[in-house]
Amino acid sequence: MTALEPYIFKKIPVQFFGKRCILNTSQELFSCNAVDAGSQLLITSVLKERVLPAHPVIADVGCGTGILSLALLAQHSDSRILAVDRDALALAFTALNCRENGHSVET
């Protein structure tokens, strides 16, 4: 059992750019039942259309559960991501979600 286990509310299956992921959510963090509409719009419009350089370095500011980091890593697995949030639980969930989906981020 991980230290975050008591905080996990739901495990949500999500798909980004053809890659399936599992997103752990917490009632203590924003959008615990599903991917919120704003994040979904950002992922499907801006991230899908953005051309990034090889091996991009990206800051996910206000990372929450790491949804945008996961989407970016699904499209650009060679990315280096720095996830930032004022909430230590959010940083822990971002790290957990990326790790459980085969990625790593700096928090």
PDB file of N, CA and C in Angstrom:
ATOM      1  N   MET A   1       0.840  -1.184   0.000  1.00  0.00           N
ATOM      2  CA  MET A   1       0.000   0.000   0.000  1.00  0.00           C
ATOM      3  C   MET A   1       0.885   1.248   0.000  1.00  0.00           C
ATOM      4  N   THR A   2       0.566   2.186  -0.882  1.00  0.00           N
ATOM      5  CA  THR A   2       1.330   3.425  -0.931  1.00  0.00           C
ATOM      6  C   THR A   2       0.754   4.434   0.053  1.00  0.00           C
ATOM      7  N   ALA A   3       1.522   5.461   0.350  1.00  0.00           N
ATOM      8  CA  ALA A   3       1.058   6.510   1.255  1.00  0.00           C
ATOM      9  C   ALA A   3      -0.147   7.253   0.674  1.00  0.00           C
ATOM     10  N   LEU A   4      -0.315   7.217  -0.637  1.00  0.00           N
ATOM     11  CA  LEU A   4      -1.434   7.919  -1.277  1.00  0.00           C
ATOM     12  C   LEU A   4      -2.715   7.106  -1.328  1.00  0.00           C
ATOM     13  N   GLU A   5      -2.633   5.823  -1.045  1.00  0.00           N
ATOM     14  CA  GLU A   5      -3.804   4.939  -1.147  1.00  0.00           C
ATOM     15  C   GLU A   5      -5.057   5.488  -0.459  1.00  0.00           C
ATOM     16  N   PRO A   6      -4.973   6.026   0.750  1.00  0.00           N
ATOM     17  CA  PRO A   6      -6.187   6.539   1.395  1.00  0.00           C
ATOM     18  C   PRO A   6      -6.808   7.740   0.674  1.00  0.00           C
ATOM     19  N   TYR A   7      -6.024   8.414  -0.166  1.00  0.00           N
ATOM     20  CA  TYR A   7      -6.512   9.600  -0.860  1.00  0.00           C
ATOM     21  C   TYR A   7      -7.068   9.298  -2.259  1.00  0.00           C
ATOM     22  N   ILE A   8      -6.858   8.081  -2.744  1.00  0.00           N
ATOM     23  CA  ILE A   8      -7.346   7.742  -4.087  1.00  0.00           C
ATOM     24  C   ILE A   8      -8.855   7.553  -4.034  1.00  0.00           C
ATOM     25  N   PHE A   9      -9.556   8.369  -4.809  1.00  0.00           N
ATOM     26  CA  PHE A   9     -11.013   8.326  -4.879  1.00  0.00           C
ATOM     27  C   PHE A   9     -11.460   7.404  -6.002  1.00  0.00           C
ATOM     28  N   LYS A  10     -10.873   7.571  -7.161  1.00  0.00           N
ATOM     29  CA  LYS A  10     -11.258   6.816  -8.353  1.00  0.00           C
ATOM     30  C   LYS A  10     -10.055   6.593  -9.251  1.00  0.00           C
ATOM     31  N   LYS A  11     -10.130   5.522 -10.029  1.00  0.00           N
ATOM     32  CA  LYS A  11      -9.165   5.284 -11.102  1.00  0.00           C
ATOM     33  C   LYS A  11      -9.956   5.397 -12.397  1.00  0.00           C
ATOM     34  N   ILE A  12      -9.630   6.405 -13.186  1.00  0.00           N
ATOM     35  CA  ILE A  12     -10.391   6.705 -14.400  1.00  0.00           C
ATOM     36  C   ILE A  12      -9.571   6.307 -15.620  1.00  0.00           C
ATOM     37  N   PRO A  13     -10.128   5.464 -16.505  1.00  0.00           N
ATOM     38  CA  PRO A  13      -9.418   5.179 -17.755  1.00  0.00           C
ATOM     39  C   PRO A  13      -9.562   6.374 -18.698  1.00  0.00           C
ATOM     40  N   VAL A  14      -8.454   6.819 -19.254  1.00  0.00           N
ATOM     41  CA  VAL A  14      -8.453   7.926 -20.205  1.00  0.00           C
ATOM     42  C   VAL A  14      -7.606   7.528 -21.407  1.00  0.00           C
ATOM     43  N   GLN A  15      -7.818   8.222 -22.500  1.00  0.00           N
ATOM     44  CA  GLN A  15      -7.039   7.951 -23.699  1.00  0.00           C
ATOM     45  C   GLN A  15      -6.586   9.267 -24.299  1.00  0.00           C
ATOM     46  N   PHE A  16      -5.284   9.369 -24.569  1.00  0.00           N
ATOM     47  CA  PHE A  16      -4.709  10.553 -25.176  1.00  0.00           C
ATOM     48  C   PHE A  16      -3.938  10.144 -26.416  1.00  0.00           C
ATOM     49  N   PHE A  17      -4.314  10.705 -27.539  1.00  0.00           N
ATOM     50  CA  PHE A  17      -3.601  10.479 -28.788  1.00  0.00           C
ATOM     51  C   PHE A  17      -3.380   8.987 -29.051  1.00  0.00           C
ATOM     52  N   GLY A  18      -4.420   8.191 -28.788  1.00  0.00           N
ATOM     53  CA  GLY A  18      -4.386   6.761 -29.056  1.00  0.00           C
ATOM     54  C   GLY A  18      -3.731   5.921 -27.975  1.00  0.00           C
ATOM     55  N   LYS A  19      -3.271   6.538 -26.911  1.00  0.00           N
ATOM     56  CA  LYS A  19      -2.623   5.794 -25.833  1.00  0.00           C
ATOM     57  C   LYS A  19      -3.517   5.794 -24.605  1.00  0.00           C
ATOM     58  N   ARG A  20      -3.736   4.605 -24.051  1.00  0.00           N
ATOM     59  CA  ARG A  20      -4.598   4.460 -22.869  1.00  0.00           C
ATOM     60  C   ARG A  20      -3.793   4.672 -21.599  1.00  0.00           C
ATOM     61  N   CYS A  21      -4.414   5.357 -20.649  1.00  0.00           N
ATOM     62  CA  CYS A  21      -3.799   5.633 -19.349  1.00  0.00           C
ATOM     63  C   CYS A  21      -4.843   5.416 -18.262  1.00  0.00           C
ATOM     64  N   ILE A  22      -4.367   5.255 -17.064  1.00  0.00           N
ATOM     65  CA  ILE A  22      -5.240   5.234 -15.887  1.00  0.00           C
ATOM     66  C   ILE A  22      -4.895   6.470 -15.059  1.00  0.00           C
ATOM     67  N   LEU A  23      -5.919   7.223 -14.692  1.00  0.00           N
ATOM     68  CA  LEU A  23      -5.740   8.446 -13.917  1.00  0.00           C
ATOM     69  C   LEU A  23      -6.307   8.228 -12.519  1.00  0.00           C
ATOM     70  N   ASN A  24      -5.444   8.251 -11.514  1.00  0.00           N
ATOM     71  CA  ASN A  24      -5.881   8.208 -10.120  1.00  0.00           C
ATOM     72  C   ASN A  24      -6.365   9.600  -9.750  1.00  0.00           C
ATOM     73  N   THR A  25      -7.533   9.695  -9.127  1.00  0.00           N
ATOM     74  CA  THR A  25      -8.047  10.996  -8.699  1.00  0.00           C
ATOM     75  C   THR A  25      -8.280  10.999  -7.197  1.00  0.00           C
ATOM     76  N   SER A  26      -8.423  12.202  -6.662  1.00  0.00           N
ATOM     77  CA  SER A  26      -8.644  12.378  -5.233  1.00  0.00           C
ATOM     78  C   SER A  26      -9.750  13.398  -5.021  1.00  0.00           C
ATOM     79  N   GLN A  27     -10.594  13.163  -4.041  1.00  0.00           N
ATOM     80  CA  GLN A  27     -11.641  14.128  -3.722  1.00  0.00           C
ATOM     81  C   GLN A  27     -11.044  15.430  -3.209  1.00  0.00           C
ATOM     82  N   GLU A  28      -9.822  15.390  -2.737  1.00  0.00           N
ATOM     83  CA  GLU A  28      -9.171  16.586  -2.229  1.00  0.00           C
ATOM     84  C   GLU A  28      -8.605  17.454  -3.349  1.00  0.00           C
ATOM     85  N   LEU A  29      -8.604  16.955  -4.599  1.00  0.00           N
ATOM     86  CA  LEU A  29      -8.065  17.698  -5.730  1.00  0.00           C
ATOM     87  C   LEU A  29      -9.159  17.987  -6.751  1.00  0.00           C
ATOM     88  N   PHE A  30      -8.923  18.970  -7.585  1.00  0.00           N
ATOM     89  CA  PHE A  30      -9.874  19.398  -8.606  1.00  0.00           C
ATOM     90  C   PHE A  30     -10.228  18.259  -9.562  1.00  0.00           C
ATOM     91  N   SER A  31     -11.494  18.192  -9.920  1.00  0.00           N
ATOM     92  CA  SER A  31     -12.005  17.283 -10.948  1.00  0.00           C
ATOM     93  C   SER A  31     -11.736  15.814 -10.618  1.00  0.00           C
ATOM     94  N   CYS A  32     -12.410  15.307  -9.594  1.00  0.00           N
ATOM     95  CA  CYS A  32     -12.143  13.941  -9.135  1.00  0.00           C
ATOM     96  C   CYS A  32     -12.992  12.881  -9.839  1.00  0.00           C
ATOM     97  N   ASN A  33     -14.015  13.282 -10.591  1.00  0.00           N
ATOM     98  CA  ASN A  33     -14.896  12.301 -11.235  1.00  0.00           C
ATOM     99  C   ASN A  33     -14.587  12.041 -12.700  1.00  0.00           C
ATOM    100  N   ALA A  34     -13.968  13.003 -13.357  1.00  0.00           N
ATOM    101  CA  ALA A  34     -13.681  12.875 -14.788  1.00  0.00           C
ATOM    102  C   ALA A  34     -12.682  13.954 -15.178  1.00  0.00           C
ATOM    103  N   VAL A  35     -12.170  13.866 -16.392  1.00  0.00           N
ATOM    104  CA  VAL A  35     -11.321  14.936 -16.912  1.00  0.00           C
ATOM    105  C   VAL A  35     -12.211  16.153 -17.108  1.00  0.00           C
ATOM    106  N   ASP A  36     -11.828  17.282 -16.521  1.00  0.00           N
ATOM    107  CA  ASP A  36     -12.656  18.484 -16.612  1.00  0.00           C
ATOM    108  C   ASP A  36     -12.687  19.033 -18.037  1.00  0.00           C
ATOM    109  N   ALA A  37     -13.726  19.782 -18.337  1.00  0.00           N
ATOM    110  CA  ALA A  37     -13.957  20.297 -19.692  1.00  0.00           C
ATOM    111  C   ALA A  37     -12.816  21.198 -20.169  1.00  0.00           C
ATOM    112  N   GLY A  38     -12.267  22.018 -19.281  1.00  0.00           N
ATOM    113  CA  GLY A  38     -11.177  22.909 -19.669  1.00  0.00           C
ATOM    114  C   GLY A  38      -9.921  22.148 -20.063  1.00  0.00           C
ATOM    115  N   SER A  39      -9.570  21.146 -19.280  1.00  0.00           N
ATOM    116  CA  SER A  39      -8.396  20.322 -19.620  1.00  0.00           C
ATOM    117  C   SER A  39      -8.633  19.562 -20.912  1.00  0.00           C
ATOM    118  N   GLN A  40      -9.831  19.025 -21.063  1.00  0.00           N
ATOM    119  CA  GLN A  40     -10.151  18.286 -22.295  1.00  0.00           C
ATOM    120  C   GLN A  40     -10.050  19.191 -23.521  1.00  0.00           C
ATOM    121  N   LEU A  41     -10.559  20.419 -23.409  1.00  0.00           N
ATOM    122  CA  LEU A  41     -10.475  21.376 -24.511  1.00  0.00           C
ATOM    123  C   LEU A  41      -9.023  21.715 -24.818  1.00  0.00           C
ATOM    124  N   LEU A  42      -8.230  21.937 -23.791  1.00  0.00           N
ATOM    125  CA  LEU A  42      -6.816  22.239 -23.987  1.00  0.00           C
ATOM    126  C   LEU A  42      -6.105  21.077 -24.679  1.00  0.00           C
ATOM    127  N   ILE A  43      -6.382  19.868 -24.239  1.00  0.00           N
ATOM    128  CA  ILE A  43      -5.741  18.688 -24.831  1.00  0.00           C
ATOM    129  C   ILE A  43      -6.150  18.510 -26.283  1.00  0.00           C
ATOM    130  N   THR A  44      -7.455  18.604 -26.574  1.00  0.00           N
ATOM    131  CA  THR A  44      -7.929  18.321 -27.937  1.00  0.00           C
ATOM    132  C   THR A  44      -7.690  19.465 -28.912  1.00  0.00           C
ATOM    133  N   SER A  45      -7.537  20.675 -28.413  1.00  0.00           N
ATOM    134  CA  SER A  45      -7.321  21.782 -29.350  1.00  0.00           C
ATOM    135  C   SER A  45      -5.866  22.219 -29.391  1.00  0.00           C
ATOM    136  N   VAL A  46      -5.374  22.743 -28.309  1.00  0.00           N
ATOM    137  CA  VAL A  46      -4.031  23.321 -28.311  1.00  0.00           C
ATOM    138  C   VAL A  46      -2.938  22.265 -28.415  1.00  0.00           C
ATOM    139  N   LEU A  47      -2.953  21.255 -27.558  1.00  0.00           N
ATOM    140  CA  LEU A  47      -1.876  20.272 -27.567  1.00  0.00           C
ATOM    141  C   LEU A  47      -1.848  19.465 -28.854  1.00  0.00           C
ATOM    142  N   LYS A  48      -3.013  19.162 -29.385  1.00  0.00           N
ATOM    143  CA  LYS A  48      -3.093  18.371 -30.606  1.00  0.00           C
ATOM    144  C   LYS A  48      -2.500  19.129 -31.792  1.00  0.00           C
ATOM    145  N   GLU A  49      -2.644  20.445 -31.786  1.00  0.00           N
ATOM    146  CA  GLU A  49      -2.210  21.266 -32.914  1.00  0.00           C
ATOM    147  C   GLU A  49      -0.790  21.799 -32.753  1.00  0.00           C
ATOM    148  N   ARG A  50      -0.266  21.773 -31.560  1.00  0.00           N
ATOM    149  CA  ARG A  50       1.038  22.363 -31.282  1.00  0.00           C
ATOM    150  C   ARG A  50       2.157  21.450 -31.765  1.00  0.00           C
ATOM    151  N   VAL A  51       3.088  22.019 -32.503  1.00  0.00           N
ATOM    152  CA  VAL A  51       4.271  21.279 -32.933  1.00  0.00           C
ATOM    153  C   VAL A  51       5.385  21.625 -31.955  1.00  0.00           C
ATOM    154  N   LEU A  52       5.882  20.616 -31.285  1.00  0.00           N
ATOM    155  CA  LEU A  52       6.944  20.820 -30.302  1.00  0.00           C
ATOM    156  C   LEU A  52       8.277  20.377 -30.878  1.00  0.00           C
ATOM    157  N   PRO A  53       9.355  20.973 -30.406  1.00  0.00           N
ATOM    158  CA  PRO A  53      10.679  20.541 -30.862  1.00  0.00           C
ATOM    159  C   PRO A  53      10.999  19.153 -30.316  1.00  0.00           C
ATOM    160  N   ALA A  54      12.028  18.535 -30.870  1.00  0.00           N
ATOM    161  CA  ALA A  54      12.477  17.240 -30.346  1.00  0.00           C
ATOM    162  C   ALA A  54      12.937  17.428 -28.905  1.00  0.00           C
ATOM    163  N   HIS A  55      12.616  16.496 -28.040  1.00  0.00           N
ATOM    164  CA  HIS A  55      12.980  16.510 -26.626  1.00  0.00           C
ATOM    165  C   HIS A  55      12.571  17.813 -25.932  1.00  0.00           C
ATOM    166  N   PRO A  56      11.291  18.168 -25.983  1.00  0.00           N
ATOM    167  CA  PRO A  56      10.872  19.441 -25.376  1.00  0.00           C
ATOM    168  C   PRO A  56      10.961  19.425 -23.855  1.00  0.00           C
ATOM    169  N   VAL A  57      11.169  20.598 -23.293  1.00  0.00           N
ATOM    170  CA  VAL A  57      11.138  20.807 -21.851  1.00  0.00           C
ATOM    171  C   VAL A  57       9.887  21.644 -21.579  1.00  0.00           C
ATOM    172  N   ILE A  58       8.992  21.125 -20.738  1.00  0.00           N
ATOM    173  CA  ILE A  58       7.674  21.721 -20.541  1.00  0.00           C
ATOM    174  C   ILE A  58       7.399  21.894 -19.061  1.00  0.00           C
ATOM    175  N   ALA A  59       6.769  23.011 -18.695  1.00  0.00           N
ATOM    176  CA  ALA A  59       6.317  23.228 -17.319  1.00  0.00           C
ATOM    177  C   ALA A  59       4.807  23.034 -17.283  1.00  0.00           C
ATOM    178  N   ASP A  60       4.338  22.155 -16.417  1.00  0.00           N
ATOM    179  CA  ASP A  60       2.910  21.955 -16.176  1.00  0.00           C
ATOM    180  C   ASP A  60       2.607  22.682 -14.871  1.00  0.00           C
ATOM    181  N   VAL A  61       2.146  23.929 -14.997  1.00  0.00           N
ATOM    182  CA  VAL A  61       1.921  24.778 -13.827  1.00  0.00           C
ATOM    183  C   VAL A  61       0.492  24.596 -13.345  1.00  0.00           C
ATOM    184  N   GLY A  62       0.337  24.273 -12.063  1.00  0.00           N
ATOM    185  CA  GLY A  62      -0.985  23.941 -11.523  1.00  0.00           C
ATOM    186  C   GLY A  62      -1.352  22.540 -11.970  1.00  0.00           C
ATOM    187  N   CYS A  63      -0.438  21.592 -11.784  1.00  0.00           N
ATOM    188  CA  CYS A  63      -0.532  20.258 -12.386  1.00  0.00           C
ATOM    189  C   CYS A  63      -1.695  19.402 -11.884  1.00  0.00           C
ATOM    190  N   GLY A  64      -2.193  19.654 -10.682  1.00  0.00           N
ATOM    191  CA  GLY A  64      -3.311  18.851 -10.179  1.00  0.00           C
ATOM    192  C   GLY A  64      -2.959  17.374 -10.140  1.00  0.00           C
ATOM    193  N   THR A  65      -3.767  16.547 -10.806  1.00  0.00           N
ATOM    194  CA  THR A  65      -3.511  15.109 -10.844  1.00  0.00           C
ATOM    195  C   THR A  65      -2.545  14.711 -11.950  1.00  0.00           C
ATOM    196  N   GLY A  66      -2.092  15.672 -12.743  1.00  0.00           N
ATOM    197  CA  GLY A  66      -1.122  15.390 -13.792  1.00  0.00           C
ATOM    198  C   GLY A  66      -1.733  15.093 -15.146  1.00  0.00           C
ATOM    199  N   ILE A  67      -2.978  15.465 -15.334  1.00  0.00           N
ATOM    200  CA  ILE A  67      -3.679  15.141 -16.574  1.00  0.00           C
ATOM    201  C   ILE A  67      -2.976  15.720 -17.804  1.00  0.00           C
ATOM    202  N   LEU A  68      -2.531  16.968 -17.725  1.00  0.00           N
ATOM    203  CA  LEU A  68      -1.860  17.574 -18.884  1.00  0.00           C
ATOM    204  C   LEU A  68      -0.482  16.966 -19.094  1.00  0.00           C
ATOM    205  N   SER A  69       0.214  16.653 -18.016  1.00  0.00           N
ATOM    206  CA  SER A  69       1.512  15.976 -18.149  1.00  0.00           C
ATOM    207  C   SER A  69       1.343  14.636 -18.849  1.00  0.00           C
ATOM    208  N   LEU A  70       0.325  13.865 -18.451  1.00  0.00           N
ATOM    209  CA  LEU A  70       0.076  12.569 -19.098  1.00  0.00           C
ATOM    210  C   LEU A  70      -0.244  12.728 -20.577  1.00  0.00           C
ATOM    211  N   ALA A  71      -1.065  13.718 -20.906  1.00  0.00           N
ATOM    212  CA  ALA A  71      -1.420  13.941 -22.310  1.00  0.00           C
ATOM    213  C   ALA A  71      -0.187  14.326 -23.118  1.00  0.00           C
ATOM    214  N   LEU A  72       0.626  15.210 -22.568  1.00  0.00           N
ATOM    215  CA  LEU A  72       1.853  15.610 -23.266  1.00  0.00           C
ATOM    216  C   LEU A  72       2.791  14.428 -23.453  1.00  0.00           C
ATOM    217  N   LEU A  73       2.940  13.613 -22.418  1.00  0.00           N
ATOM    218  CA  LEU A  73       3.832  12.454 -22.516  1.00  0.00           C
ATOM    219  C   LEU A  73       3.287  11.394 -23.470  1.00  0.00           C
ATOM    220  N   ALA A  74       1.971  11.310 -23.602  1.00  0.00           N
ATOM    221  CA  ALA A  74       1.387  10.368 -24.563  1.00  0.00           C
ATOM    222  C   ALA A  74       1.732  10.776 -25.991  1.00  0.00           C
ATOM    223  N   GLN A  75       1.793  12.070 -26.225  1.00  0.00           N
ATOM    224  CA  GLN A  75       2.097  12.573 -27.565  1.00  0.00           C
ATOM    225  C   GLN A  75       3.601  12.753 -27.784  1.00  0.00           C
ATOM    226  N   HIS A  76       4.319  13.111 -26.729  1.00  0.00           N
ATOM    227  CA  HIS A  76       5.759  13.389 -26.812  1.00  0.00           C
ATOM    228  C   HIS A  76       6.464  12.682 -25.665  1.00  0.00           C
ATOM    229  N   SER A  77       6.657  11.386 -25.804  1.00  0.00           N
ATOM    230  CA  SER A  77       7.222  10.594 -24.699  1.00  0.00           C
ATOM    231  C   SER A  77       8.653  10.998 -24.354  1.00  0.00           C
ATOM    232  N   ASP A  78       9.299  11.741 -25.240  1.00  0.00           N
ATOM    233  CA  ASP A  78      10.670  12.186 -24.982  1.00  0.00           C
ATOM    234  C   ASP A  78      10.710  13.530 -24.251  1.00  0.00           C
ATOM    235  N   SER A  79       9.556  14.025 -23.816  1.00  0.00           N
ATOM    236  CA  SER A  79       9.483  15.311 -23.117  1.00  0.00           C
ATOM    237  C   SER A  79      10.095  15.218 -21.730  1.00  0.00           C
ATOM    238  N   ARG A  80      10.639  16.316 -21.303  1.00  0.00           N
ATOM    239  CA  ARG A  80      11.056  16.485 -19.907  1.00  0.00           C
ATOM    240  C   ARG A  80      10.056  17.456 -19.303  1.00  0.00           C
ATOM    241  N   ILE A  81       9.329  17.025 -18.286  1.00  0.00           N
ATOM    242  CA  ILE A  81       8.260  17.832 -17.717  1.00  0.00           C
ATOM    243  C   ILE A  81       8.578  18.176 -16.268  1.00  0.00           C
ATOM    244  N   LEU A  82       8.421  19.463 -15.978  1.00  0.00           N
ATOM    245  CA  LEU A  82       8.500  19.942 -14.611  1.00  0.00           C
ATOM    246  C   LEU A  82       7.077  20.268 -14.189  1.00  0.00           C
ATOM    247  N   ALA A  83       6.536  19.512 -13.243  1.00  0.00           N
ATOM    248  CA  ALA A  83       5.179  19.710 -12.741  1.00  0.00           C
ATOM    249  C   ALA A  83       5.239  20.552 -11.472  1.00  0.00           C
ATOM    250  N   VAL A  84       4.434  21.622 -11.453  1.00  0.00           N
ATOM    251  CA  VAL A  84       4.450  22.567 -10.338  1.00  0.00           C
ATOM    252  C   VAL A  84       3.029  22.752  -9.823  1.00  0.00           C
ATOM    253  N   ASP A  85       2.868  22.771  -8.516  1.00  0.00           N
ATOM    254  CA  ASP A  85       1.574  23.057  -7.903  1.00  0.00           C
ATOM    255  C   ASP A  85       1.847  23.540  -6.488  1.00  0.00           C
ATOM    256  N   ARG A  86       0.942  24.319  -5.939  1.00  0.00           N
ATOM    257  CA  ARG A  86       1.119  24.786  -4.560  1.00  0.00           C
ATOM    258  C   ARG A  86       0.696  23.723  -3.551  1.00  0.00           C
ATOM    259  N   ASP A  87       0.046  22.668  -4.032  1.00  0.00           N
ATOM    260  CA  ASP A  87      -0.491  21.616  -3.186  1.00  0.00           C
ATOM    261  C   ASP A  87       0.406  20.373  -3.269  1.00  0.00           C
ATOM    262  N   ALA A  88       0.965  19.963  -2.132  1.00  0.00           N
ATOM    263  CA  ALA A  88       1.845  18.790  -2.100  1.00  0.00           C
ATOM    264  C   ALA A  88       1.117  17.522  -2.541  1.00  0.00           C
ATOM    265  N   LEU A  89      -0.187  17.417  -2.243  1.00  0.00           N
ATOM    266  CA  LEU A  89      -0.949  16.248  -2.665  1.00  0.00           C
ATOM    267  C   LEU A  89      -1.045  16.200  -4.190  1.00  0.00           C
ATOM    268  N   ALA A  90      -1.223  17.342  -4.821  1.00  0.00           N
ATOM    269  CA  ALA A  90      -1.270  17.396  -6.283  1.00  0.00           C
ATOM    270  C   ALA A  90       0.055  16.923  -6.879  1.00  0.00           C
ATOM    271  N   LEU A  91       1.149  17.365  -6.328  1.00  0.00           N
ATOM    272  CA  LEU A  91       2.464  16.932  -6.822  1.00  0.00           C
ATOM    273  C   LEU A  91       2.631  15.423  -6.667  1.00  0.00           C
ATOM    274  N   ALA A  92       2.188  14.901  -5.543  1.00  0.00           N
ATOM    275  CA  ALA A  92       2.294  13.457  -5.308  1.00  0.00           C
ATOM    276  C   ALA A  92       1.419  12.679  -6.297  1.00  0.00           C
ATOM    277  N   PHE A  93       0.217  13.171  -6.582  1.00  0.00           N
ATOM    278  CA  PHE A  93      -0.668  12.493  -7.538  1.00  0.00           C
ATOM    279  C   PHE A  93      -0.121  12.572  -8.957  1.00  0.00           C
ATOM    280  N   THR A  94       0.446  13.706  -9.319  1.00  0.00           N
ATOM    281  CA  THR A  94       1.052  13.824 -10.653  1.00  0.00           C
ATOM    282  C   THR A  94       2.178  12.817 -10.805  1.00  0.00           C
ATOM    283  N   ALA A  95       3.050  12.738  -9.806  1.00  0.00           N
ATOM    284  CA  ALA A  95       4.159  11.778  -9.856  1.00  0.00           C
ATOM    285  C   ALA A  95       3.631  10.347  -9.914  1.00  0.00           C
ATOM    286  N   LEU A  96       2.621  10.031  -9.099  1.00  0.00           N
ATOM    287  CA  LEU A  96       2.025   8.692  -9.084  1.00  0.00           C
ATOM    288  C   LEU A  96       1.416   8.349 -10.442  1.00  0.00           C
ATOM    289  N   ASN A  97       0.609   9.244 -10.979  1.00  0.00           N
ATOM    290  CA  ASN A  97      -0.057   8.965 -12.249  1.00  0.00           C
ATOM    291  C   ASN A  97       0.934   8.800 -13.391  1.00  0.00           C
ATOM    292  N   CYS A  98       1.951   9.623 -13.419  1.00  0.00           N
ATOM    293  CA  CYS A  98       2.954   9.475 -14.474  1.00  0.00           C
ATOM    294  C   CYS A  98       3.727   8.171 -14.296  1.00  0.00           C
ATOM    295  N   ARG A  99       4.134   7.877 -13.074  1.00  0.00           N
ATOM    296  CA  ARG A  99       4.884   6.642 -12.803  1.00  0.00           C
ATOM    297  C   ARG A  99       4.066   5.404 -13.170  1.00  0.00           C
ATOM    298  N   GLU A 100       2.783   5.361 -12.753  1.00  0.00           N
ATOM    299  CA  GLU A 100       1.950   4.193 -13.031  1.00  0.00           C
ATOM    300  C   GLU A 100       1.636   4.029 -14.515  1.00  0.00           C
ATOM    301  N   ASN A 101       1.856   5.079 -15.296  1.00  0.00           N
ATOM    302  CA  ASN A 101       1.628   4.999 -16.733  1.00  0.00           C
ATOM    303  C   ASN A 101       2.949   4.951 -17.510  1.00  0.00           C
ATOM    304  N   GLY A 102       4.044   4.655 -16.803  1.00  0.00           N
ATOM    305  CA  GLY A 102       5.324   4.415 -17.449  1.00  0.00           C
ATOM    306  C   GLY A 102       6.140   5.648 -17.771  1.00  0.00           C
ATOM    307  N   HIS A 103       5.856   6.754 -17.106  1.00  0.00           N
ATOM    308  CA  HIS A 103       6.591   7.998 -17.364  1.00  0.00           C
ATOM    309  C   HIS A 103       7.160   8.541 -16.050  1.00  0.00           C
ATOM    310  N   SER A 104       8.025   9.513 -16.176  1.00  0.00           N
ATOM    311  CA  SER A 104       8.488  10.216 -14.984  1.00  0.00           C
ATOM    312  C   SER A 104       8.441  11.703 -15.240  1.00  0.00           C
ATOM    313  N   VAL A 105       8.218  12.449 -14.174  1.00  0.00           N
ATOM    314  CA  VAL A 105       8.212  13.903 -14.233  1.00  0.00           C
ATOM    315  C   VAL A 105       9.006  14.411 -13.030  1.00  0.00           C
ATOM    316  N   GLU A 106       9.457  15.632 -13.133  1.00  0.00           N
ATOM    317  CA  GLU A 106      10.064  16.291 -11.984  1.00  0.00           C
ATOM    318  C   GLU A 106       8.973  17.100 -11.310  1.00  0.00           C
ATOM    319  N   THR A 107       8.898  17.053 -10.000  1.00  0.00           N
ATOM    320  CA  THR A 107       7.910  17.862  -9.285  1.00  0.00           C
ATOM    321  C   THR A 107       8.615  18.806  -8.346  1.00  0.00           C
TER     322      THR A 107
END
